[in-house]
Amino acid sequence: MTRVQPMDPATFALLKQTPLFLGLGEGDTRLLLSEARIELYSDDELLFAKGTPADRLFLVLDGHIEVFLDENGRKSVLEVAKRPSLLGEAALFTDGHYSDGARCIGFAKVVTVPAISFRDALDNRFDLAQRMLATMSMRLRGLVVQIAELKLKSTAQRVGGFLLGLADTMDGQAVVRFPYDKRLAAEYLGMTAESLSRALQRLSVIGVQSRADNVVAIADLEQLRDFCIEEDE
């Protein structure tokens, strides 16, 4: 069940560091967040469904949100959003309905902003509208990169790139953990769970070892990075 909390100073300060609000003055930020509130979601809880009225925007503060399409019983994972993702914003500029669905993975903390008040602020401030469009453009660019990798990279390269994104260093060794179950990671990467397992086995020859509890040890990050950018398999 969703739990609601009022906006607190610590969360407000955190939001000011996200791309949408970074560099905005205190007054502008408070204007956009004047009716915002904090919502806590539990595992598998739906934030919004495709086709429903887009009455709120969602800013992810903690946890992961699965963004998906479900057509004729077949689900496709579009994105696994995390902080500082903004979700539901496209509906401000379209027909006012969510174009996809979103559900919580494990636990998530989000800030919700009523769409009406946010849209009113954008109507009166062209500079804020430009900032919103820039944020949407950044997200779109990320999705385009994801599609390109699905087309151009092998399954092993896609898994390798995903693991590199989890590492908190650029070279040497690393131990990372899948942030959610491998089934969802496989769907996000455009493959089956079995294909992901085979990709991990292939990566083992360059020092990538899959361990228990969704942990993966990487012997040489630079070697894995070189493998992921090879043009020829």
C-alpha atoms as a PDB file:
ATOM      1  CA  MET A   1       0.000   0.000   0.000  1.00  0.00           C
ATOM      2  CA  THR A   2       1.269   3.465  -0.898  1.00  0.00           C
ATOM      3  CA  ARG A   3       2.296   5.605   2.056  1.00  0.00           C
ATOM      4  CA  VAL A   4       2.288   9.393   1.762  1.00  0.00           C
ATOM      5  CA  GLN A   5       4.581  11.842   3.512  1.00  0.00           C
ATOM      6  CA  PRO A   6       4.733  15.643   3.374  1.00  0.00           C
ATOM      7  CA  MET A   7       7.649  17.318   1.629  1.00  0.00           C
ATOM      8  CA  ASP A   8      10.513  17.842   4.075  1.00  0.00           C
ATOM      9  CA  PRO A   9      13.563  20.163   3.877  1.00  0.00           C
ATOM     10  CA  ALA A  10      16.017  17.296   3.293  1.00  0.00           C
ATOM     11  CA  THR A  11      14.053  15.981   0.308  1.00  0.00           C
ATOM     12  CA  PHE A  12      13.632  19.481  -1.077  1.00  0.00           C
ATOM     13  CA  ALA A  13      17.414  20.006  -0.892  1.00  0.00           C
ATOM     14  CA  LEU A  14      17.969  16.669  -2.631  1.00  0.00           C
ATOM     15  CA  LEU A  15      15.564  17.547  -5.442  1.00  0.00           C
ATOM     16  CA  LYS A  16      17.411  20.785  -6.091  1.00  0.00           C
ATOM     17  CA  GLN A  17      20.407  18.673  -7.174  1.00  0.00           C
ATOM     18  CA  THR A  18      18.479  16.689  -9.787  1.00  0.00           C
ATOM     19  CA  PRO A  19      18.783  17.684 -13.488  1.00  0.00           C
ATOM     20  CA  LEU A  20      15.305  19.208 -13.661  1.00  0.00           C
ATOM     21  CA  PHE A  21      15.920  21.662 -10.823  1.00  0.00           C
ATOM     22  CA  LEU A  22      19.701  22.055 -10.845  1.00  0.00           C
ATOM     23  CA  GLY A  23      20.594  25.724 -11.112  1.00  0.00           C
ATOM     24  CA  LEU A  24      17.038  26.961 -10.547  1.00  0.00           C
ATOM     25  CA  GLY A  25      16.508  29.653  -7.960  1.00  0.00           C
ATOM     26  CA  GLU A  26      14.854  28.866  -4.658  1.00  0.00           C
ATOM     27  CA  GLY A  27      11.628  30.600  -5.675  1.00  0.00           C
ATOM     28  CA  ASP A  28      11.330  28.748  -8.994  1.00  0.00           C
ATOM     29  CA  THR A  29      11.963  25.397  -7.355  1.00  0.00           C
ATOM     30  CA  ARG A  30       9.355  26.041  -4.681  1.00  0.00           C
ATOM     31  CA  LEU A  31       6.903  27.144  -7.378  1.00  0.00           C
ATOM     32  CA  LEU A  32       7.244  23.852  -9.256  1.00  0.00           C
ATOM     33  CA  LEU A  33       7.098  21.776  -6.075  1.00  0.00           C
ATOM     34  CA  SER A  34       4.425  23.770  -4.277  1.00  0.00           C
ATOM     35  CA  GLU A  35       1.958  20.844  -4.239  1.00  0.00           C
ATOM     36  CA  ALA A  36       4.468  17.976  -4.329  1.00  0.00           C
ATOM     37  CA  ARG A  37       4.435  15.145  -1.824  1.00  0.00           C
ATOM     38  CA  ILE A  38       6.538  12.074  -1.024  1.00  0.00           C
ATOM     39  CA  GLU A  39       5.091   8.621  -1.731  1.00  0.00           C
ATOM     40  CA  LEU A  40       6.515   5.267  -0.648  1.00  0.00           C
ATOM     41  CA  TYR A  41       5.709   2.231  -2.822  1.00  0.00           C
ATOM     42  CA  SER A  42       6.063  -1.443  -1.974  1.00  0.00           C
ATOM     43  CA  ASP A  43       7.113  -4.292  -4.239  1.00  0.00           C
ATOM     44  CA  ASP A  44       5.068  -4.772  -7.422  1.00  0.00           C
ATOM     45  CA  GLU A  45       2.833  -1.804  -6.648  1.00  0.00           C
ATOM     46  CA  LEU A  46       1.602   0.083  -9.712  1.00  0.00           C
ATOM     47  CA  LEU A  47       2.423   3.771 -10.017  1.00  0.00           C
ATOM     48  CA  PHE A  48       0.358   4.266 -13.149  1.00  0.00           C
ATOM     49  CA  ALA A  49      -1.127   2.249 -16.020  1.00  0.00           C
ATOM     50  CA  LYS A  50      -1.122   2.901 -19.736  1.00  0.00           C
ATOM     51  CA  GLY A  51      -4.111   4.941 -20.904  1.00  0.00           C
ATOM     52  CA  THR A  52      -5.074   6.304 -17.495  1.00  0.00           C
ATOM     53  CA  PRO A  53      -5.260  10.095 -16.968  1.00  0.00           C
ATOM     54  CA  ALA A  54      -1.818  11.529 -16.314  1.00  0.00           C
ATOM     55  CA  ASP A  55      -2.622  13.504 -13.190  1.00  0.00           C
ATOM     56  CA  ARG A  56       0.877  13.378 -11.658  1.00  0.00           C
ATOM     57  CA  LEU A  57       4.576  13.459 -12.507  1.00  0.00           C
ATOM     58  CA  PHE A  58       6.956  11.145 -10.664  1.00  0.00           C
ATOM     59  CA  LEU A  59      10.516  11.935  -9.585  1.00  0.00           C
ATOM     60  CA  VAL A  60      12.380   8.834  -8.406  1.00  0.00           C
ATOM     61  CA  LEU A  61      14.374   9.393  -5.211  1.00  0.00           C
ATOM     62  CA  ASP A  62      15.216   5.827  -4.212  1.00  0.00           C
ATOM     63  CA  GLY A  63      14.679   2.313  -5.517  1.00  0.00           C
ATOM     64  CA  HIS A  64      13.821   1.127  -9.028  1.00  0.00           C
ATOM     65  CA  ILE A  65      10.725   1.563 -11.190  1.00  0.00           C
ATOM     66  CA  GLU A  66       9.956  -0.734 -14.104  1.00  0.00           C
ATOM     67  CA  VAL A  67       8.494   1.179 -17.063  1.00  0.00           C
ATOM     68  CA  PHE A  68       6.736  -1.199 -19.433  1.00  0.00           C
ATOM     69  CA  LEU A  69       4.280  -1.725 -22.257  1.00  0.00           C
ATOM     70  CA  ASP A  70       1.732  -4.523 -22.092  1.00  0.00           C
ATOM     71  CA  GLU A  71       0.147  -5.247 -25.466  1.00  0.00           C
ATOM     72  CA  ASN A  72      -2.173  -8.238 -25.887  1.00  0.00           C
ATOM     73  CA  GLY A  73      -0.706  -9.935 -22.829  1.00  0.00           C
ATOM     74  CA  ARG A  74       2.901  -9.474 -23.945  1.00  0.00           C
ATOM     75  CA  LYS A  75       4.975  -7.229 -21.721  1.00  0.00           C
ATOM     76  CA  SER A  76       8.014  -5.305 -22.913  1.00  0.00           C
ATOM     77  CA  VAL A  77      10.326  -3.564 -20.439  1.00  0.00           C
ATOM     78  CA  LEU A  78      11.186  -0.097 -21.748  1.00  0.00           C
ATOM     79  CA  GLU A  79      13.282   1.146 -18.866  1.00  0.00           C
ATOM     80  CA  VAL A  80      14.260   0.418 -15.294  1.00  0.00           C
ATOM     81  CA  ALA A  81      14.239   3.912 -13.824  1.00  0.00           C
ATOM     82  CA  LYS A  82      16.180   4.999 -10.774  1.00  0.00           C
ATOM     83  CA  ARG A  83      17.154   8.290  -9.161  1.00  0.00           C
ATOM     84  CA  PRO A  84      16.951  10.995 -10.535  1.00  0.00           C
ATOM     85  CA  SER A  85      14.543   9.829 -13.268  1.00  0.00           C
ATOM     86  CA  LEU A  86      11.420  11.819 -14.116  1.00  0.00           C
ATOM     87  CA  LEU A  87       8.429   9.707 -15.208  1.00  0.00           C
ATOM     88  CA  GLY A  88       5.079  10.601 -16.743  1.00  0.00           C
ATOM     89  CA  GLU A  89       6.277  13.936 -18.111  1.00  0.00           C
ATOM     90  CA  ALA A  90       5.468  13.158 -21.755  1.00  0.00           C
ATOM     91  CA  ALA A  91       1.744  13.290 -20.955  1.00  0.00           C
ATOM     92  CA  LEU A  92       2.092  17.045 -20.325  1.00  0.00           C
ATOM     93  CA  PHE A  93       2.654  17.546 -24.043  1.00  0.00           C
ATOM     94  CA  THR A  94       0.419  14.829 -25.541  1.00  0.00           C
ATOM     95  CA  ASP A  95      -3.159  13.746 -24.886  1.00  0.00           C
ATOM     96  CA  GLY A  96      -2.936  13.811 -21.106  1.00  0.00           C
ATOM     97  CA  HIS A  97      -2.811  10.031 -20.665  1.00  0.00           C
ATOM     98  CA  TYR A  98       0.098   7.828 -19.671  1.00  0.00           C
ATOM     99  CA  SER A  99       1.614   6.131 -22.720  1.00  0.00           C
ATOM    100  CA  ASP A 100       3.034   3.225 -20.714  1.00  0.00           C
ATOM    101  CA  GLY A 101       2.834   1.610 -17.293  1.00  0.00           C
ATOM    102  CA  ALA A 102       5.141   1.762 -14.284  1.00  0.00           C
ATOM    103  CA  ARG A 103       5.467  -0.463 -11.245  1.00  0.00           C
ATOM    104  CA  CYS A 104       7.743  -0.605  -8.229  1.00  0.00           C
ATOM    105  CA  ILE A 105      10.542  -3.151  -7.908  1.00  0.00           C
ATOM    106  CA  GLY A 106      11.167  -3.993  -4.284  1.00  0.00           C
ATOM    107  CA  PHE A 107      10.770  -0.587  -2.664  1.00  0.00           C
ATOM    108  CA  ALA A 108      10.714   2.921  -4.071  1.00  0.00           C
ATOM    109  CA  LYS A 109      10.532   6.453  -2.769  1.00  0.00           C
ATOM    110  CA  VAL A 110       9.209   9.016  -5.222  1.00  0.00           C
ATOM    111  CA  VAL A 111       8.064  12.606  -5.231  1.00  0.00           C
ATOM    112  CA  THR A 112       4.763  13.173  -7.007  1.00  0.00           C
ATOM    113  CA  VAL A 113       3.794  16.531  -8.486  1.00  0.00           C
ATOM    114  CA  PRO A 114       0.223  17.272  -9.644  1.00  0.00           C
ATOM    115  CA  ALA A 115       0.266  17.702 -13.409  1.00  0.00           C
ATOM    116  CA  ILE A 116      -2.143  20.671 -13.388  1.00  0.00           C
ATOM    117  CA  SER A 117      -0.032  22.866 -11.123  1.00  0.00           C
ATOM    118  CA  PHE A 118       3.138  21.877 -12.937  1.00  0.00           C
ATOM    119  CA  ARG A 119       1.608  22.645 -16.329  1.00  0.00           C
ATOM    120  CA  ASP A 120       0.329  26.012 -15.095  1.00  0.00           C
ATOM    121  CA  ALA A 121       3.852  26.918 -13.999  1.00  0.00           C
ATOM    122  CA  LEU A 122       5.240  25.947 -17.411  1.00  0.00           C
ATOM    123  CA  ASP A 123       2.547  27.992 -19.205  1.00  0.00           C
ATOM    124  CA  ASN A 124       3.699  31.102 -17.411  1.00  0.00           C
ATOM    125  CA  ARG A 125       7.434  30.507 -17.639  1.00  0.00           C
ATOM    126  CA  PHE A 126       8.954  29.664 -21.025  1.00  0.00           C
ATOM    127  CA  ASP A 127      12.391  29.108 -19.477  1.00  0.00           C
ATOM    128  CA  LEU A 128      10.961  26.397 -17.210  1.00  0.00           C
ATOM    129  CA  ALA A 129       9.271  24.758 -20.207  1.00  0.00           C
ATOM    130  CA  GLN A 130      12.627  24.709 -21.999  1.00  0.00           C
ATOM    131  CA  ARG A 131      14.214  23.027 -18.997  1.00  0.00           C
ATOM    132  CA  MET A 132      11.498  20.382 -18.999  1.00  0.00           C
ATOM    133  CA  LEU A 133      12.020  19.701 -22.713  1.00  0.00           C
ATOM    134  CA  ALA A 134      15.767  19.397 -22.147  1.00  0.00           C
ATOM    135  CA  THR A 135      15.162  16.824 -19.404  1.00  0.00           C
ATOM    136  CA  MET A 136      12.859  14.848 -21.691  1.00  0.00           C
ATOM    137  CA  SER A 137      15.440  15.023 -24.461  1.00  0.00           C
ATOM    138  CA  MET A 138      18.118  13.550 -22.184  1.00  0.00           C
ATOM    139  CA  ARG A 139      15.853  10.643 -21.285  1.00  0.00           C
ATOM    140  CA  LEU A 140      14.963  10.062 -24.938  1.00  0.00           C
ATOM    141  CA  ARG A 141      18.651  10.058 -25.840  1.00  0.00           C
ATOM    142  CA  GLY A 142      19.252   7.362 -23.258  1.00  0.00           C
ATOM    143  CA  LEU A 143      16.474   5.210 -24.698  1.00  0.00           C
ATOM    144  CA  VAL A 144      17.883   5.669 -28.227  1.00  0.00           C
ATOM    145  CA  VAL A 145      21.278   4.468 -27.001  1.00  0.00           C
ATOM    146  CA  GLN A 146      19.585   1.468 -25.423  1.00  0.00           C
ATOM    147  CA  ILE A 147      17.831   0.600 -28.702  1.00  0.00           C
ATOM    148  CA  ALA A 148      21.089   0.971 -30.630  1.00  0.00           C
ATOM    149  CA  GLU A 149      22.830  -1.447 -28.281  1.00  0.00           C
ATOM    150  CA  LEU A 150      20.022  -3.964 -28.682  1.00  0.00           C
ATOM    151  CA  LYS A 151      20.584  -3.857 -32.440  1.00  0.00           C
ATOM    152  CA  LEU A 152      24.369  -3.669 -32.582  1.00  0.00           C
ATOM    153  CA  LYS A 153      25.694  -5.522 -29.546  1.00  0.00           C
ATOM    154  CA  SER A 154      25.758  -9.233 -28.777  1.00  0.00           C
ATOM    155  CA  THR A 155      24.038 -10.563 -25.665  1.00  0.00           C
ATOM    156  CA  ALA A 156      27.402 -10.902 -23.914  1.00  0.00           C
ATOM    157  CA  GLN A 157      28.346  -7.313 -24.771  1.00  0.00           C
ATOM    158  CA  ARG A 158      25.004  -6.019 -23.495  1.00  0.00           C
ATOM    159  CA  VAL A 159      25.400  -7.891 -20.199  1.00  0.00           C
ATOM    160  CA  GLY A 160      28.991  -6.695 -19.938  1.00  0.00           C
ATOM    161  CA  GLY A 161      27.927  -3.076 -20.446  1.00  0.00           C
ATOM    162  CA  PHE A 162      25.212  -3.467 -17.826  1.00  0.00           C
ATOM    163  CA  LEU A 163      27.760  -4.789 -15.314  1.00  0.00           C
ATOM    164  CA  LEU A 164      30.157  -1.942 -16.087  1.00  0.00           C
ATOM    165  CA  GLY A 165      27.377   0.491 -15.257  1.00  0.00           C
ATOM    166  CA  LEU A 166      27.089  -1.060 -11.793  1.00  0.00           C
ATOM    167  CA  ALA A 167      30.774  -0.677 -10.939  1.00  0.00           C
ATOM    168  CA  ASP A 168      31.816   2.298  -8.828  1.00  0.00           C
ATOM    169  CA  THR A 169      35.291   2.482 -10.349  1.00  0.00           C
ATOM    170  CA  MET A 170      36.717   2.667 -13.874  1.00  0.00           C
ATOM    171  CA  ASP A 171      39.611   0.204 -13.692  1.00  0.00           C
ATOM    172  CA  GLY A 172      41.007  -2.670 -11.683  1.00  0.00           C
ATOM    173  CA  GLN A 173      38.759  -5.256 -10.086  1.00  0.00           C
ATOM    174  CA  ALA A 174      35.161  -4.871  -8.976  1.00  0.00           C
ATOM    175  CA  VAL A 175      32.423  -6.839  -7.264  1.00  0.00           C
ATOM    176  CA  VAL A 176      28.895  -5.781  -8.252  1.00  0.00           C
ATOM    177  CA  ARG A 177      25.407  -6.985  -7.501  1.00  0.00           C
ATOM    178  CA  PHE A 178      22.379  -7.024  -9.778  1.00  0.00           C
ATOM    179  CA  PRO A 179      20.108  -4.303  -8.322  1.00  0.00           C
ATOM    180  CA  TYR A 180      17.027  -6.402  -9.087  1.00  0.00           C
ATOM    181  CA  ASP A 181      16.387  -9.986 -10.142  1.00  0.00           C
ATOM    182  CA  LYS A 182      18.124 -11.354 -13.212  1.00  0.00           C
ATOM    183  CA  ARG A 183      14.836 -12.045 -14.995  1.00  0.00           C
ATOM    184  CA  LEU A 184      13.999  -8.348 -15.056  1.00  0.00           C
ATOM    185  CA  ALA A 185      17.582  -7.458 -16.000  1.00  0.00           C
ATOM    186  CA  ALA A 186      17.299  -9.873 -18.934  1.00  0.00           C
ATOM    187  CA  GLU A 187      14.024  -8.292 -20.094  1.00  0.00           C
ATOM    188  CA  TYR A 188      15.552  -4.823 -19.824  1.00  0.00           C
ATOM    189  CA  LEU A 189      18.509  -5.990 -21.944  1.00  0.00           C
ATOM    190  CA  GLY A 190      16.227  -7.540 -24.565  1.00  0.00           C
ATOM    191  CA  MET A 191      16.926 -11.205 -23.891  1.00  0.00           C
ATOM    192  CA  THR A 192      15.632 -14.205 -21.989  1.00  0.00           C
ATOM    193  CA  ALA A 193      16.899 -15.269 -18.575  1.00  0.00           C
ATOM    194  CA  GLU A 194      18.531 -18.261 -20.239  1.00  0.00           C
ATOM    195  CA  SER A 195      20.357 -15.999 -22.695  1.00  0.00           C
ATOM    196  CA  LEU A 196      21.609 -13.870 -19.812  1.00  0.00           C
ATOM    197  CA  SER A 197      23.002 -16.979 -18.105  1.00  0.00           C
ATOM    198  CA  ARG A 198      24.758 -18.036 -21.305  1.00  0.00           C
ATOM    199  CA  ALA A 199      26.172 -14.513 -21.700  1.00  0.00           C
ATOM    200  CA  LEU A 200      27.600 -14.663 -18.182  1.00  0.00           C
ATOM    201  CA  GLN A 201      29.201 -18.006 -19.025  1.00  0.00           C
ATOM    202  CA  ARG A 202      30.795 -16.488 -22.107  1.00  0.00           C
ATOM    203  CA  LEU A 203      32.098 -13.552 -20.075  1.00  0.00           C
ATOM    204  CA  SER A 204      33.756 -15.967 -17.659  1.00  0.00           C
ATOM    205  CA  VAL A 205      36.622 -16.433 -20.138  1.00  0.00           C
ATOM    206  CA  ILE A 206      37.620 -12.792 -19.547  1.00  0.00           C
ATOM    207  CA  GLY A 207      37.390 -12.989 -15.787  1.00  0.00           C
ATOM    208  CA  VAL A 208      33.724 -12.261 -15.090  1.00  0.00           C
ATOM    209  CA  GLN A 209      32.478 -14.705 -12.460  1.00  0.00           C
ATOM    210  CA  SER A 210      28.832 -15.068 -11.466  1.00  0.00           C
ATOM    211  CA  ARG A 211      28.380 -15.876  -7.778  1.00  0.00           C
ATOM    212  CA  ALA A 212      25.495 -16.544  -5.432  1.00  0.00           C
ATOM    213  CA  ASP A 213      22.983 -13.881  -4.406  1.00  0.00           C
ATOM    214  CA  ASN A 214      23.156 -12.042  -7.768  1.00  0.00           C
ATOM    215  CA  VAL A 215      26.793 -11.055  -7.152  1.00  0.00           C
ATOM    216  CA  VAL A 216      29.292 -10.819 -10.028  1.00  0.00           C
ATOM    217  CA  ALA A 217      33.078 -10.467  -9.662  1.00  0.00           C
ATOM    218  CA  ILE A 218      34.934  -8.670 -12.461  1.00  0.00           C
ATOM    219  CA  ALA A 219      38.677  -9.358 -12.589  1.00  0.00           C
ATOM    220  CA  ASP A 220      39.586  -6.554 -15.003  1.00  0.00           C
ATOM    221  CA  LEU A 221      37.196  -3.709 -15.788  1.00  0.00           C
ATOM    222  CA  GLU A 222      39.322  -2.406 -18.650  1.00  0.00           C
ATOM    223  CA  GLN A 223      39.361  -5.805 -20.339  1.00  0.00           C
ATOM    224  CA  LEU A 224      35.585  -6.063 -20.004  1.00  0.00           C
ATOM    225  CA  ARG A 225      35.192  -2.551 -21.408  1.00  0.00           C
ATOM    226  CA  ASP A 226      37.373  -3.438 -24.416  1.00  0.00           C
ATOM    227  CA  PHE A 227      35.238  -6.529 -25.021  1.00  0.00           C
ATOM    228  CA  CYS A 228      32.039  -4.474 -24.954  1.00  0.00           C
ATOM    229  CA  ILE A 229      33.199  -2.024 -27.621  1.00  0.00           C
ATOM    230  CA  GLU A 230      34.579  -4.587 -30.069  1.00  0.00           C
ATOM    231  CA  GLU A 231      32.901  -4.314 -33.470  1.00  0.00           C
ATOM    232  CA  ASP A 232      33.402  -7.912 -34.477  1.00  0.00           C
ATOM    233  CA  GLU A 233      32.294 -10.918 -32.482  1.00  0.00           C
END
